[in-house]
Amino acid sequence: EYRQLPDDSQYIEKFYNELSTFHDELKGNTGIPQSSFSEFEDNPNALIATLEDFIQDKILSVYGGRVDSGAKVVIQRYGEFLHNVKTTLILNGGHPFIFDVLIQNKQLFDGFDK
């Protein structure tokens, strides 16, 4: 059963860039059968596993060996992003389609600002 996130939740909104980057990976990586968050609806654990693989393969492999503060920030943000994706799925009953909605809404709002 879907449960709406609390109005004051900022679990994912503050990680929009990471969400968008991961969404682009879903759309562009032919090795991942799902191309949207909604396609993980039947198995949200697969979304978590795919995100963990993405962080390992695309983020840690690039930034993990660096010692500069910028790399550390990127790694920390993706760790927090993963945690907040898990929190969001727990709070809303395991429905990943909310991430597609967040991306669409942000794109619409950005369009209004132009």
PDB file of N, CA and C in Angstrom:
ATOM      1  N   GLU A   1       0.838  -1.177   0.000  1.00  0.00           N
ATOM      2  CA  GLU A   1       0.000   0.000   0.000  1.00  0.00           C
ATOM      3  C   GLU A   1       0.882   1.239   0.000  1.00  0.00           C
ATOM      4  N   TYR A   2       0.575   2.163  -0.903  1.00  0.00           N
ATOM      5  CA  TYR A   2       1.337   3.404  -0.994  1.00  0.00           C
ATOM      6  C   TYR A   2       0.977   4.319   0.160  1.00  0.00           C
ATOM      7  N   ARG A   3       2.003   4.906   0.755  1.00  0.00           N
ATOM      8  CA  ARG A   3       1.795   5.920   1.789  1.00  0.00           C
ATOM      9  C   ARG A   3       2.514   7.180   1.339  1.00  0.00           C
ATOM     10  N   GLN A   4       1.803   8.297   1.419  1.00  0.00           N
ATOM     11  CA  GLN A   4       2.392   9.568   1.018  1.00  0.00           C
ATOM     12  C   GLN A   4       3.503   9.957   1.985  1.00  0.00           C
ATOM     13  N   LEU A   5       4.552  10.537   1.440  1.00  0.00           N
ATOM     14  CA  LEU A   5       5.636  11.023   2.281  1.00  0.00           C
ATOM     15  C   LEU A   5       5.154  12.227   3.074  1.00  0.00           C
ATOM     16  N   PRO A   6       5.687  12.430   4.256  1.00  0.00           N
ATOM     17  CA  PRO A   6       5.308  13.614   5.030  1.00  0.00           C
ATOM     18  C   PRO A   6       5.614  14.892   4.246  1.00  0.00           C
ATOM     19  N   ASP A   7       4.762  15.908   4.422  1.00  0.00           N
ATOM     20  CA  ASP A   7       4.940  17.163   3.693  1.00  0.00           C
ATOM     21  C   ASP A   7       6.296  17.805   3.944  1.00  0.00           C
ATOM     22  N   ASP A   8       6.831  17.623   5.133  1.00  0.00           N
ATOM     23  CA  ASP A   8       8.101  18.259   5.467  1.00  0.00           C
ATOM     24  C   ASP A   8       9.313  17.381   5.154  1.00  0.00           C
ATOM     25  N   SER A   9       9.094  16.268   4.457  1.00  0.00           N
ATOM     26  CA  SER A   9      10.227  15.379   4.168  1.00  0.00           C
ATOM     27  C   SER A   9      11.109  15.997   3.092  1.00  0.00           C
ATOM     28  N   GLN A  10      12.365  15.940   3.309  1.00  0.00           N
ATOM     29  CA  GLN A  10      13.354  16.410   2.341  1.00  0.00           C
ATOM     30  C   GLN A  10      14.316  15.272   2.016  1.00  0.00           C
ATOM     31  N   TYR A  11      13.828  14.039   2.150  1.00  0.00           N
ATOM     32  CA  TYR A  11      14.696  12.878   2.003  1.00  0.00           C
ATOM     33  C   TYR A  11      15.382  12.829   0.654  1.00  0.00           C
ATOM     34  N   ILE A  12      14.661  13.176  -0.384  1.00  0.00           N
ATOM     35  CA  ILE A  12      15.219  13.040  -1.715  1.00  0.00           C
ATOM     36  C   ILE A  12      15.369  14.381  -2.418  1.00  0.00           C
ATOM     37  N   GLU A  13      14.509  15.337  -2.132  1.00  0.00           N
ATOM     38  CA  GLU A  13      14.561  16.606  -2.843  1.00  0.00           C
ATOM     39  C   GLU A  13      15.943  17.243  -2.798  1.00  0.00           C
ATOM     40  N   LYS A  14      16.634  17.108  -1.671  1.00  0.00           N
ATOM     41  CA  LYS A  14      17.958  17.724  -1.573  1.00  0.00           C
ATOM     42  C   LYS A  14      19.021  16.929  -2.326  1.00  0.00           C
ATOM     43  N   PHE A  15      18.657  15.765  -2.841  1.00  0.00           N
ATOM     44  CA  PHE A  15      19.580  14.946  -3.621  1.00  0.00           C
ATOM     45  C   PHE A  15      19.111  14.843  -5.069  1.00  0.00           C
ATOM     46  N   TYR A  16      18.490  15.901  -5.562  1.00  0.00           N
ATOM     47  CA  TYR A  16      17.944  15.854  -6.913  1.00  0.00           C
ATOM     48  C   TYR A  16      19.034  15.565  -7.951  1.00  0.00           C
ATOM     49  N   ASN A  17      20.200  16.174  -7.820  1.00  0.00           N
ATOM     50  CA  ASN A  17      21.258  15.955  -8.816  1.00  0.00           C
ATOM     51  C   ASN A  17      21.691  14.494  -8.860  1.00  0.00           C
ATOM     52  N   GLU A  18      21.826  13.881  -7.692  1.00  0.00           N
ATOM     53  CA  GLU A  18      22.198  12.466  -7.641  1.00  0.00           C
ATOM     54  C   GLU A  18      21.076  11.598  -8.210  1.00  0.00           C
ATOM     55  N   LEU A  19      19.839  11.941  -7.880  1.00  0.00           N
ATOM     56  CA  LEU A  19      18.679  11.213  -8.400  1.00  0.00           C
ATOM     57  C   LEU A  19      18.638  11.305  -9.921  1.00  0.00           C
ATOM     58  N   SER A  20      18.858  12.495 -10.432  1.00  0.00           N
ATOM     59  CA  SER A  20      18.834  12.710 -11.874  1.00  0.00           C
ATOM     60  C   SER A  20      19.974  11.963 -12.569  1.00  0.00           C
ATOM     61  N   THR A  21      21.158  11.985 -11.974  1.00  0.00           N
ATOM     62  CA  THR A  21      22.300  11.264 -12.550  1.00  0.00           C
ATOM     63  C   THR A  21      22.030   9.763 -12.589  1.00  0.00           C
ATOM     64  N   PHE A  22      21.476   9.233 -11.510  1.00  0.00           N
ATOM     65  CA  PHE A  22      21.157   7.806 -11.472  1.00  0.00           C
ATOM     66  C   PHE A  22      20.043   7.484 -12.469  1.00  0.00           C
ATOM     67  N   HIS A  23      19.068   8.369 -12.604  1.00  0.00           N
ATOM     68  CA  HIS A  23      17.993   8.178 -13.584  1.00  0.00           C
ATOM     69  C   HIS A  23      18.572   8.124 -15.002  1.00  0.00           C
ATOM     70  N   ASP A  24      19.513   9.017 -15.294  1.00  0.00           N
ATOM     71  CA  ASP A  24      20.168   8.999 -16.605  1.00  0.00           C
ATOM     72  C   ASP A  24      20.891   7.673 -16.837  1.00  0.00           C
ATOM     73  N   GLU A  25      21.490   7.138 -15.774  1.00  0.00           N
ATOM     74  CA  GLU A  25      22.158   5.834 -15.872  1.00  0.00           C
ATOM     75  C   GLU A  25      21.140   4.734 -16.192  1.00  0.00           C
ATOM     76  N   LEU A  26      19.990   4.777 -15.551  1.00  0.00           N
ATOM     77  CA  LEU A  26      18.947   3.781 -15.830  1.00  0.00           C
ATOM     78  C   LEU A  26      18.513   3.856 -17.289  1.00  0.00           C
ATOM     79  N   LYS A  27      18.328   5.066 -17.784  1.00  0.00           N
ATOM     80  CA  LYS A  27      17.870   5.246 -19.160  1.00  0.00           C
ATOM     81  C   LYS A  27      18.933   4.861 -20.180  1.00  0.00           C
ATOM     82  N   GLY A  28      20.197   5.118 -19.858  1.00  0.00           N
ATOM     83  CA  GLY A  28      21.242   4.957 -20.854  1.00  0.00           C
ATOM     84  C   GLY A  28      22.044   3.675 -20.794  1.00  0.00           C
ATOM     85  N   ASN A  29      21.977   2.953 -19.701  1.00  0.00           N
ATOM     86  CA  ASN A  29      22.791   1.747 -19.536  1.00  0.00           C
ATOM     87  C   ASN A  29      21.982   0.532 -19.977  1.00  0.00           C
ATOM     88  N   THR A  30      22.353  -0.038 -21.110  1.00  0.00           N
ATOM     89  CA  THR A  30      21.611  -1.188 -21.629  1.00  0.00           C
ATOM     90  C   THR A  30      21.798  -2.435 -20.775  1.00  0.00           C
ATOM     91  N   GLY A  31      22.768  -2.427 -19.880  1.00  0.00           N
ATOM     92  CA  GLY A  31      22.969  -3.555 -18.974  1.00  0.00           C
ATOM     93  C   GLY A  31      21.961  -3.594 -17.838  1.00  0.00           C
ATOM     94  N   ILE A  32      21.212  -2.507 -17.687  1.00  0.00           N
ATOM     95  CA  ILE A  32      20.167  -2.444 -16.657  1.00  0.00           C
ATOM     96  C   ILE A  32      18.828  -2.576 -17.371  1.00  0.00           C
ATOM     97  N   PRO A  33      18.062  -3.636 -17.100  1.00  0.00           N
ATOM     98  CA  PRO A  33      16.811  -3.851 -17.832  1.00  0.00           C
ATOM     99  C   PRO A  33      15.762  -2.764 -17.592  1.00  0.00           C
ATOM    100  N   GLN A  34      15.770  -2.145 -16.431  1.00  0.00           N
ATOM    101  CA  GLN A  34      14.790  -1.111 -16.117  1.00  0.00           C
ATOM    102  C   GLN A  34      15.325   0.248 -16.578  1.00  0.00           C
ATOM    103  N   SER A  35      14.433   1.054 -17.150  1.00  0.00           N
ATOM    104  CA  SER A  35      14.855   2.377 -17.614  1.00  0.00           C
ATOM    105  C   SER A  35      14.178   3.503 -16.840  1.00  0.00           C
ATOM    106  N   SER A  36      13.394   3.153 -15.838  1.00  0.00           N
ATOM    107  CA  SER A  36      12.766   4.156 -14.978  1.00  0.00           C
ATOM    108  C   SER A  36      12.604   3.559 -13.589  1.00  0.00           C
ATOM    109  N   PHE A  37      12.364   4.422 -12.626  1.00  0.00           N
ATOM    110  CA  PHE A  37      12.161   3.947 -11.258  1.00  0.00           C
ATOM    111  C   PHE A  37      10.872   3.139 -11.144  1.00  0.00           C
ATOM    112  N   SER A  38       9.870   3.525 -11.901  1.00  0.00           N
ATOM    113  CA  SER A  38       8.581   2.826 -11.856  1.00  0.00           C
ATOM    114  C   SER A  38       8.711   1.358 -12.238  1.00  0.00           C
ATOM    115  N   GLU A  39       9.676   1.046 -13.064  1.00  0.00           N
ATOM    116  CA  GLU A  39       9.857  -0.334 -13.498  1.00  0.00           C
ATOM    117  C   GLU A  39      10.396  -1.235 -12.385  1.00  0.00           C
ATOM    118  N   PHE A  40      10.771  -0.649 -11.258  1.00  0.00           N
ATOM    119  CA  PHE A  40      11.201  -1.419 -10.090  1.00  0.00           C
ATOM    120  C   PHE A  40      10.044  -1.635  -9.111  1.00  0.00           C
ATOM    121  N   GLU A  41       8.837  -1.269  -9.511  1.00  0.00           N
ATOM    122  CA  GLU A  41       7.684  -1.307  -8.607  1.00  0.00           C
ATOM    123  C   GLU A  41       7.481  -2.688  -7.987  1.00  0.00           C
ATOM    124  N   ASP A  42       7.688  -3.746  -8.766  1.00  0.00           N
ATOM    125  CA  ASP A  42       7.491  -5.102  -8.242  1.00  0.00           C
ATOM    126  C   ASP A  42       8.645  -5.585  -7.369  1.00  0.00           C
ATOM    127  N   ASN A  43       9.778  -4.893  -7.438  1.00  0.00           N
ATOM    128  CA  ASN A  43      10.943  -5.333  -6.676  1.00  0.00           C
ATOM    129  C   ASN A  43      11.811  -4.132  -6.284  1.00  0.00           C
ATOM    130  N   PRO A  44      11.388  -3.367  -5.287  1.00  0.00           N
ATOM    131  CA  PRO A  44      12.179  -2.202  -4.883  1.00  0.00           C
ATOM    132  C   PRO A  44      13.569  -2.572  -4.363  1.00  0.00           C
ATOM    133  N   ASN A  45      13.742  -3.803  -3.892  1.00  0.00           N
ATOM    134  CA  ASN A  45      15.079  -4.230  -3.458  1.00  0.00           C
ATOM    135  C   ASN A  45      16.054  -4.272  -4.631  1.00  0.00           C
ATOM    136  N   ALA A  46      15.536  -4.563  -5.821  1.00  0.00           N
ATOM    137  CA  ALA A  46      16.386  -4.543  -7.017  1.00  0.00           C
ATOM    138  C   ALA A  46      16.843  -3.119  -7.321  1.00  0.00           C
ATOM    139  N   LEU A  47      16.003  -2.139  -7.023  1.00  0.00           N
ATOM    140  CA  LEU A  47      16.401  -0.742  -7.195  1.00  0.00           C
ATOM    141  C   LEU A  47      17.573  -0.414  -6.273  1.00  0.00           C
ATOM    142  N   ILE A  48      17.467  -0.826  -5.026  1.00  0.00           N
ATOM    143  CA  ILE A  48      18.547  -0.581  -4.064  1.00  0.00           C
ATOM    144  C   ILE A  48      19.835  -1.256  -4.536  1.00  0.00           C
ATOM    145  N   ALA A  49      19.733  -2.503  -4.975  1.00  0.00           N
ATOM    146  CA  ALA A  49      20.917  -3.229  -5.453  1.00  0.00           C
ATOM    147  C   ALA A  49      21.524  -2.543  -6.681  1.00  0.00           C
ATOM    148  N   THR A  50      20.673  -2.074  -7.581  1.00  0.00           N
ATOM    149  CA  THR A  50      21.152  -1.384  -8.779  1.00  0.00           C
ATOM    150  C   THR A  50      21.831  -0.073  -8.408  1.00  0.00           C
ATOM    151  N   LEU A  51      21.256   0.651  -7.457  1.00  0.00           N
ATOM    152  CA  LEU A  51      21.869   1.896  -6.995  1.00  0.00           C
ATOM    153  C   LEU A  51      23.208   1.622  -6.310  1.00  0.00           C
ATOM    154  N   GLU A  52      23.261   0.584  -5.496  1.00  0.00           N
ATOM    155  CA  GLU A  52      24.533   0.219  -4.846  1.00  0.00           C
ATOM    156  C   GLU A  52      25.601  -0.123  -5.887  1.00  0.00           C
ATOM    157  N   ASP A  53      25.210  -0.868  -6.925  1.00  0.00           N
ATOM    158  CA  ASP A  53      26.152  -1.201  -8.002  1.00  0.00           C
ATOM    159  C   ASP A  53      26.613   0.060  -8.727  1.00  0.00           C
ATOM    160  N   PHE A  54      25.676   0.970  -8.996  1.00  0.00           N
ATOM    161  CA  PHE A  54      26.004   2.229  -9.661  1.00  0.00           C
ATOM    162  C   PHE A  54      27.020   3.023  -8.838  1.00  0.00           C
ATOM    163  N   ILE A  55      26.777   3.122  -7.539  1.00  0.00           N
ATOM    164  CA  ILE A  55      27.695   3.860  -6.670  1.00  0.00           C
ATOM    165  C   ILE A  55      29.071   3.205  -6.683  1.00  0.00           C
ATOM    166  N   GLN A  56      29.096   1.893  -6.606  1.00  0.00           N
ATOM    167  CA  GLN A  56      30.379   1.171  -6.611  1.00  0.00           C
ATOM    168  C   GLN A  56      31.107   1.342  -7.941  1.00  0.00           C
ATOM    169  N   ASP A  57      30.389   1.119  -9.042  1.00  0.00           N
ATOM    170  CA  ASP A  57      31.016   1.081 -10.361  1.00  0.00           C
ATOM    171  C   ASP A  57      31.290   2.458 -10.959  1.00  0.00           C
ATOM    172  N   LYS A  58      30.412   3.419 -10.704  1.00  0.00           N
ATOM    173  CA  LYS A  58      30.528   4.719 -11.374  1.00  0.00           C
ATOM    174  C   LYS A  58      31.019   5.838 -10.463  1.00  0.00           C
ATOM    175  N   ILE A  59      30.772   5.741  -9.187  1.00  0.00           N
ATOM    176  CA  ILE A  59      31.153   6.823  -8.277  1.00  0.00           C
ATOM    177  C   ILE A  59      32.449   6.473  -7.542  1.00  0.00           C
ATOM    178  N   LEU A  60      32.440   5.362  -6.828  1.00  0.00           N
ATOM    179  CA  LEU A  60      33.630   4.998  -6.053  1.00  0.00           C
ATOM    180  C   LEU A  60      34.826   4.690  -6.947  1.00  0.00           C
ATOM    181  N   SER A  61      34.569   4.124  -8.128  1.00  0.00           N
ATOM    182  CA  SER A  61      35.682   3.813  -9.026  1.00  0.00           C
ATOM    183  C   SER A  61      36.349   5.086  -9.547  1.00  0.00           C
ATOM    184  N   VAL A  62      35.599   6.169  -9.636  1.00  0.00           N
ATOM    185  CA  VAL A  62      36.142   7.440 -10.113  1.00  0.00           C
ATOM    186  C   VAL A  62      36.709   8.274  -8.970  1.00  0.00           C
ATOM    187  N   TYR A  63      35.953   8.366  -7.875  1.00  0.00           N
ATOM    188  CA  TYR A  63      36.315   9.281  -6.789  1.00  0.00           C
ATOM    189  C   TYR A  63      37.002   8.606  -5.603  1.00  0.00           C
ATOM    190  N   GLY A  64      36.918   7.291  -5.512  1.00  0.00           N
ATOM    191  CA  GLY A  64      37.417   6.583  -4.340  1.00  0.00           C
ATOM    192  C   GLY A  64      38.909   6.695  -4.107  1.00  0.00           C
ATOM    193  N   GLY A  65      39.693   6.789  -5.157  1.00  0.00           N
ATOM    194  CA  GLY A  65      41.135   6.861  -5.007  1.00  0.00           C
ATOM    195  C   GLY A  65      41.672   8.267  -4.818  1.00  0.00           C
ATOM    196  N   ARG A  66      40.794   9.243  -4.922  1.00  0.00           N
ATOM    197  CA  ARG A  66      41.230  10.637  -4.793  1.00  0.00           C
ATOM    198  C   ARG A  66      41.183  11.075  -3.334  1.00  0.00           C
ATOM    199  N   VAL A  67      42.025  12.018  -2.994  1.00  0.00           N
ATOM    200  CA  VAL A  67      42.085  12.485  -1.606  1.00  0.00           C
ATOM    201  C   VAL A  67      41.579  13.920  -1.452  1.00  0.00           C
ATOM    202  N   ASP A  68      41.188  14.554  -2.548  1.00  0.00           N
ATOM    203  CA  ASP A  68      40.726  15.937  -2.450  1.00  0.00           C
ATOM    204  C   ASP A  68      39.351  16.008  -1.798  1.00  0.00           C
ATOM    205  N   SER A  69      39.046  17.155  -1.248  1.00  0.00           N
ATOM    206  CA  SER A  69      37.786  17.315  -0.511  1.00  0.00           C
ATOM    207  C   SER A  69      36.572  17.208  -1.425  1.00  0.00           C
ATOM    208  N   GLY A  70      36.716  17.607  -2.681  1.00  0.00           N
ATOM    209  CA  GLY A  70      35.597  17.493  -3.617  1.00  0.00           C
ATOM    210  C   GLY A  70      35.171  16.050  -3.825  1.00  0.00           C
ATOM    211  N   ALA A  71      36.142  15.161  -3.953  1.00  0.00           N
ATOM    212  CA  ALA A  71      35.840  13.737  -4.120  1.00  0.00           C
ATOM    213  C   ALA A  71      35.167  13.184  -2.877  1.00  0.00           C
ATOM    214  N   LYS A  72      35.648  13.600  -1.725  1.00  0.00           N
ATOM    215  CA  LYS A  72      35.046  13.129  -0.474  1.00  0.00           C
ATOM    216  C   LYS A  72      33.598  13.579  -0.359  1.00  0.00           C
ATOM    217  N   VAL A  73      33.311  14.792  -0.805  1.00  0.00           N
ATOM    218  CA  VAL A  73      31.937  15.303  -0.764  1.00  0.00           C
ATOM    219  C   VAL A  73      31.040  14.477  -1.680  1.00  0.00           C
ATOM    220  N   VAL A  74      31.519  14.171  -2.876  1.00  0.00           N
ATOM    221  CA  VAL A  74      30.729  13.368  -3.822  1.00  0.00           C
ATOM    222  C   VAL A  74      30.422  12.003  -3.220  1.00  0.00           C
ATOM    223  N   ILE A  75      31.423  11.351  -2.666  1.00  0.00           N
ATOM    224  CA  ILE A  75      31.226  10.024  -2.070  1.00  0.00           C
ATOM    225  C   ILE A  75      30.251  10.097  -0.903  1.00  0.00           C
ATOM    226  N   GLN A  76      30.408  11.107  -0.075  1.00  0.00           N
ATOM    227  CA  GLN A  76      29.510  11.270   1.073  1.00  0.00           C
ATOM    228  C   GLN A  76      28.075  11.519   0.621  1.00  0.00           C
ATOM    229  N   ARG A  77      27.905  12.362  -0.382  1.00  0.00           N
ATOM    230  CA  ARG A  77      26.548  12.663  -0.863  1.00  0.00           C
ATOM    231  C   ARG A  77      25.874  11.413  -1.433  1.00  0.00           C
ATOM    232  N   TYR A  78      26.606  10.615  -2.182  1.00  0.00           N
ATOM    233  CA  TYR A  78      25.997   9.402  -2.735  1.00  0.00           C
ATOM    234  C   TYR A  78      25.673   8.393  -1.638  1.00  0.00           C
ATOM    235  N   GLY A  79      26.478   8.343  -0.595  1.00  0.00           N
ATOM    236  CA  GLY A  79      26.146   7.496   0.554  1.00  0.00           C
ATOM    237  C   GLY A  79      24.870   7.963   1.231  1.00  0.00           C
ATOM    238  N   GLU A  80      24.739   9.275   1.407  1.00  0.00           N
ATOM    239  CA  GLU A  80      23.521   9.839   2.001  1.00  0.00           C
ATOM    240  C   GLU A  80      22.323   9.645   1.072  1.00  0.00           C
ATOM    241  N   PHE A  81      22.559   9.788  -0.224  1.00  0.00           N
ATOM    242  CA  PHE A  81      21.500   9.571  -1.208  1.00  0.00           C
ATOM    243  C   PHE A  81      20.969   8.143  -1.110  1.00  0.00           C
ATOM    244  N   LEU A  82      21.862   7.166  -1.062  1.00  0.00           N
ATOM    245  CA  LEU A  82      21.453   5.768  -0.918  1.00  0.00           C
ATOM    246  C   LEU A  82      20.622   5.583   0.347  1.00  0.00           C
ATOM    247  N   HIS A  83      21.092   6.125   1.443  1.00  0.00           N
ATOM    248  CA  HIS A  83      20.360   6.028   2.713  1.00  0.00           C
ATOM    249  C   HIS A  83      18.964   6.644   2.584  1.00  0.00           C
ATOM    250  N   ASN A  84      18.870   7.780   1.927  1.00  0.00           N
ATOM    251  CA  ASN A  84      17.586   8.458   1.801  1.00  0.00           C
ATOM    252  C   ASN A  84      16.647   7.771   0.818  1.00  0.00           C
ATOM    253  N   VAL A  85      17.188   7.118  -0.196  1.00  0.00           N
ATOM    254  CA  VAL A  85      16.338   6.302  -1.076  1.00  0.00           C
ATOM    255  C   VAL A  85      15.717   5.171  -0.261  1.00  0.00           C
ATOM    256  N   LYS A  86      16.537   4.510   0.547  1.00  0.00           N
ATOM    257  CA  LYS A  86      16.017   3.433   1.398  1.00  0.00           C
ATOM    258  C   LYS A  86      14.957   3.963   2.357  1.00  0.00           C
ATOM    259  N   THR A  87      15.220   5.108   2.980  1.00  0.00           N
ATOM    260  CA  THR A  87      14.260   5.709   3.914  1.00  0.00           C
ATOM    261  C   THR A  87      12.954   6.036   3.213  1.00  0.00           C
ATOM    262  N   THR A  88      13.051   6.612   2.029  1.00  0.00           N
ATOM    263  CA  THR A  88      11.852   6.962   1.269  1.00  0.00           C
ATOM    264  C   THR A  88      11.025   5.722   0.968  1.00  0.00           C
ATOM    265  N   LEU A  89      11.679   4.652   0.540  1.00  0.00           N
ATOM    266  CA  LEU A  89      10.951   3.421   0.221  1.00  0.00           C
ATOM    267  C   LEU A  89      10.307   2.814   1.462  1.00  0.00           C
ATOM    268  N   ILE A  90      10.959   2.920   2.597  1.00  0.00           N
ATOM    269  CA  ILE A  90      10.360   2.428   3.843  1.00  0.00           C
ATOM    270  C   ILE A  90       9.132   3.259   4.189  1.00  0.00           C
ATOM    271  N   LEU A  91       9.265   4.577   4.086  1.00  0.00           N
ATOM    272  CA  LEU A  91       8.172   5.466   4.488  1.00  0.00           C
ATOM    273  C   LEU A  91       6.964   5.393   3.560  1.00  0.00           C
ATOM    274  N   ASN A  92       7.200   5.146   2.270  1.00  0.00           N
ATOM    275  CA  ASN A  92       6.064   5.165   1.350  1.00  0.00           C
ATOM    276  C   ASN A  92       5.577   3.771   0.961  1.00  0.00           C
ATOM    277  N   GLY A  93       5.993   2.764   1.681  1.00  0.00           N
ATOM    278  CA  GLY A  93       5.499   1.418   1.428  1.00  0.00           C
ATOM    279  C   GLY A  93       6.209   0.699   0.299  1.00  0.00           C
ATOM    280  N   GLY A  94       7.392   1.176  -0.108  1.00  0.00           N
ATOM    281  CA  GLY A  94       8.185   0.481  -1.121  1.00  0.00           C
ATOM    282  C   GLY A  94       7.808   0.789  -2.549  1.00  0.00           C
ATOM    283  N   HIS A  95       7.346   2.001  -2.813  1.00  0.00           N
ATOM    284  CA  HIS A  95       6.904   2.368  -4.163  1.00  0.00           C
ATOM    285  C   HIS A  95       7.887   3.335  -4.814  1.00  0.00           C
ATOM    286  N   PRO A  96       8.755   2.817  -5.693  1.00  0.00           N
ATOM    287  CA  PRO A  96       9.792   3.664  -6.283  1.00  0.00           C
ATOM    288  C   PRO A  96       9.296   4.644  -7.343  1.00  0.00           C
ATOM    289  N   PHE A  97       8.039   4.538  -7.785  1.00  0.00           N
ATOM    290  CA  PHE A  97       7.550   5.467  -8.803  1.00  0.00           C
ATOM    291  C   PHE A  97       7.644   6.912  -8.336  1.00  0.00           C
ATOM    292  N   ILE A  98       7.701   7.125  -7.014  1.00  0.00           N
ATOM    293  CA  ILE A  98       7.779   8.482  -6.481  1.00  0.00           C
ATOM    294  C   ILE A  98       9.017   9.209  -6.997  1.00  0.00           C
ATOM    295  N   PHE A  99      10.075   8.472  -7.295  1.00  0.00           N
ATOM    296  CA  PHE A  99      11.297   9.107  -7.791  1.00  0.00           C
ATOM    297  C   PHE A  99      11.100   9.630  -9.210  1.00  0.00           C
ATOM    298  N   ASP A 100      10.334   8.909 -10.041  1.00  0.00           N
ATOM    299  CA  ASP A 100       9.990   9.418 -11.371  1.00  0.00           C
ATOM    300  C   ASP A 100       9.152  10.683 -11.246  1.00  0.00           C
ATOM    301  N   VAL A 101       8.212  10.676 -10.306  1.00  0.00           N
ATOM    302  CA  VAL A 101       7.349  11.841 -10.089  1.00  0.00           C
ATOM    303  C   VAL A 101       8.184  13.047  -9.656  1.00  0.00           C
ATOM    304  N   LEU A 102       9.124  12.835  -8.743  1.00  0.00           N
ATOM    305  CA  LEU A 102       9.977  13.934  -8.285  1.00  0.00           C
ATOM    306  C   LEU A 102      10.775  14.537  -9.437  1.00  0.00           C
ATOM    307  N   ILE A 103      11.314  13.695 -10.297  1.00  0.00           N
ATOM    308  CA  ILE A 103      12.079  14.192 -11.445  1.00  0.00           C
ATOM    309  C   ILE A 103      11.172  14.974 -12.388  1.00  0.00           C
ATOM    310  N   GLN A 104       9.997  14.427 -12.696  1.00  0.00           N
ATOM    311  CA  GLN A 104       9.069  15.110 -13.596  1.00  0.00           C
ATOM    312  C   GLN A 104       8.629  16.450 -13.024  1.00  0.00           C
ATOM    313  N   ASN A 105       8.313  16.477 -11.731  1.00  0.00           N
ATOM    314  CA  ASN A 105       7.882  17.728 -11.103  1.00  0.00           C
ATOM    315  C   ASN A 105       8.988  18.774 -11.137  1.00  0.00           C
ATOM    316  N   LYS A 106      10.209  18.367 -10.854  1.00  0.00           N
ATOM    317  CA  LYS A 106      11.334  19.312 -10.867  1.00  0.00           C
ATOM    318  C   LYS A 106      11.539  19.861 -12.270  1.00  0.00           C
ATOM    319  N   GLN A 107      11.425  19.010 -13.273  1.00  0.00           N
ATOM    320  CA  GLN A 107      11.582  19.472 -14.649  1.00  0.00           C
ATOM    321  C   GLN A 107      10.487  20.467 -15.018  1.00  0.00           C
ATOM    322  N   LEU A 108       9.262  20.201 -14.570  1.00  0.00           N
ATOM    323  CA  LEU A 108       8.163  21.133 -14.830  1.00  0.00           C
ATOM    324  C   LEU A 108       8.392  22.468 -14.139  1.00  0.00           C
ATOM    325  N   PHE A 109       8.762  22.429 -12.875  1.00  0.00           N
ATOM    326  CA  PHE A 109       9.010  23.666 -12.142  1.00  0.00           C
ATOM    327  C   PHE A 109      10.175  24.441 -12.739  1.00  0.00           C
ATOM    328  N   ASP A 110      11.213  23.743 -13.156  1.00  0.00           N
ATOM    329  CA  ASP A 110      12.342  24.415 -13.797  1.00  0.00           C
ATOM    330  C   ASP A 110      11.901  25.081 -15.095  1.00  0.00           C
ATOM    331  N   GLY A 111      10.968  24.448 -15.814  1.00  0.00           N
ATOM    332  CA  GLY A 111      10.433  25.030 -17.039  1.00  0.00           C
ATOM    333  C   GLY A 111       9.650  26.304 -16.785  1.00  0.00           C
ATOM    334  N   PHE A 112       8.956  26.373 -15.660  1.00  0.00           N
ATOM    335  CA  PHE A 112       8.209  27.580 -15.307  1.00  0.00           C
ATOM    336  C   PHE A 112       9.140  28.733 -14.962  1.00  0.00           C
ATOM    337  N   ASP A 113      10.292  28.413 -14.416  1.00  0.00           N
ATOM    338  CA  ASP A 113      11.242  29.445 -14.002  1.00  0.00           C
ATOM    339  C   ASP A 113      11.908  30.135 -15.184  1.00  0.00           C
ATOM    340  N   LYS A 114      11.848  29.530 -16.356  1.00  0.00           N
ATOM    341  CA  LYS A 114      12.529  30.099 -17.533  1.00  0.00           C
ATOM    342  C   LYS A 114      11.716  31.170 -18.188  1.00  0.00           C
TER     343      LYS A 114
END
